[in-house]
């Protein structure tokens, strides 16, 4: 931080950064879980079904 800041203001700014979601995301441990999902294609109504 730069500028003419009071010690109380610096303390307040540092407290806010600890609660910032982006700060926590970038500095914390991140785990990603990938779940493969297969969706079935919906069947057309009988009136639109192709002959077999």
C-alpha atoms as a PDB file:
ATOM      1  CA  UNK A   1       0.000   0.000   0.000  1.00  0.00           C
ATOM      2  CA  UNK A   2       1.187   3.450  -0.752  1.00  0.00           C
ATOM      3  CA  UNK A   3      -0.012   6.855   0.245  1.00  0.00           C
ATOM      4  CA  UNK A   4      -0.661   8.805   3.379  1.00  0.00           C
ATOM      5  CA  UNK A   5      -2.668   6.201   5.294  1.00  0.00           C
ATOM      6  CA  UNK A   6      -3.402   6.153   8.994  1.00  0.00           C
ATOM      7  CA  UNK A   7      -2.416   2.944  10.840  1.00  0.00           C
ATOM      8  CA  UNK A   8      -6.110   2.300  11.633  1.00  0.00           C
ATOM      9  CA  UNK A   9      -6.996   2.589   7.945  1.00  0.00           C
ATOM     10  CA  UNK A  10      -4.233   0.143   6.992  1.00  0.00           C
ATOM     11  CA  UNK A  11      -5.498  -2.314   9.628  1.00  0.00           C
ATOM     12  CA  UNK A  12      -9.040  -1.991   8.259  1.00  0.00           C
ATOM     13  CA  UNK A  13      -7.904  -2.561   4.660  1.00  0.00           C
ATOM     14  CA  UNK A  14      -5.948  -5.670   5.639  1.00  0.00           C
ATOM     15  CA  UNK A  15      -8.983  -7.059   7.484  1.00  0.00           C
ATOM     16  CA  UNK A  16     -11.141  -6.556   4.379  1.00  0.00           C
ATOM     17  CA  UNK A  17      -8.669  -8.391   2.119  1.00  0.00           C
ATOM     18  CA  UNK A  18      -8.927 -11.449   4.361  1.00  0.00           C
ATOM     19  CA  UNK A  19     -12.670 -11.623   3.704  1.00  0.00           C
ATOM     20  CA  UNK A  20     -12.474 -11.031  -0.041  1.00  0.00           C
ATOM     21  CA  UNK A  21     -13.675 -14.120  -2.003  1.00  0.00           C
ATOM     22  CA  UNK A  22     -11.151 -13.564  -4.806  1.00  0.00           C
ATOM     23  CA  UNK A  23      -8.299 -13.203  -2.327  1.00  0.00           C
ATOM     24  CA  UNK A  24      -9.305 -16.455  -0.648  1.00  0.00           C
ATOM     25  CA  UNK A  25      -9.615 -18.212  -4.002  1.00  0.00           C
ATOM     26  CA  UNK A  26      -6.183 -17.106  -5.188  1.00  0.00           C
ATOM     27  CA  UNK A  27      -4.335 -17.763  -1.932  1.00  0.00           C
ATOM     28  CA  UNK A  28      -6.155 -20.850  -0.683  1.00  0.00           C
ATOM     29  CA  UNK A  29      -6.113 -24.473  -1.688  1.00  0.00           C
ATOM     30  CA  UNK A  30      -8.394 -25.183  -4.623  1.00  0.00           C
ATOM     31  CA  UNK A  31      -9.717 -28.593  -5.596  1.00  0.00           C
ATOM     32  CA  UNK A  32     -11.720 -29.332  -8.709  1.00  0.00           C
ATOM     33  CA  UNK A  33     -13.918 -32.401  -9.005  1.00  0.00           C
ATOM     34  CA  UNK A  34     -15.002 -33.470 -12.485  1.00  0.00           C
ATOM     35  CA  UNK A  35     -17.981 -35.803 -12.704  1.00  0.00           C
ATOM     36  CA  UNK A  36     -18.682 -37.329 -16.111  1.00  0.00           C
ATOM     37  CA  UNK A  37     -22.369 -37.170 -16.924  1.00  0.00           C
ATOM     38  CA  UNK A  38     -24.103 -38.750 -19.892  1.00  0.00           C
ATOM     39  CA  UNK A  39     -27.541 -37.472 -20.750  1.00  0.00           C
ATOM     40  CA  UNK A  40     -29.858 -39.684 -22.754  1.00  0.00           C
ATOM     41  CA  UNK A  41     -31.371 -38.135 -25.849  1.00  0.00           C
ATOM     42  CA  UNK A  42     -35.125 -37.775 -25.300  1.00  0.00           C
ATOM     43  CA  UNK A  43     -37.275 -40.030 -27.450  1.00  0.00           C
ATOM     44  CA  UNK A  44     -39.592 -38.302 -29.907  1.00  0.00           C
ATOM     45  CA  UNK A  45     -43.324 -38.775 -29.364  1.00  0.00           C
ATOM     46  CA  UNK A  46     -44.733 -41.895 -31.055  1.00  0.00           C
ATOM     47  CA  UNK A  47     -46.371 -39.775 -33.753  1.00  0.00           C
ATOM     48  CA  UNK A  48     -42.936 -38.449 -34.800  1.00  0.00           C
ATOM     49  CA  UNK A  49     -40.988 -41.673 -34.397  1.00  0.00           C
ATOM     50  CA  UNK A  50     -39.198 -43.026 -37.446  1.00  0.00           C
ATOM     51  CA  UNK A  51     -40.444 -46.377 -38.786  1.00  0.00           C
ATOM     52  CA  UNK A  52     -38.284 -49.360 -37.915  1.00  0.00           C
END
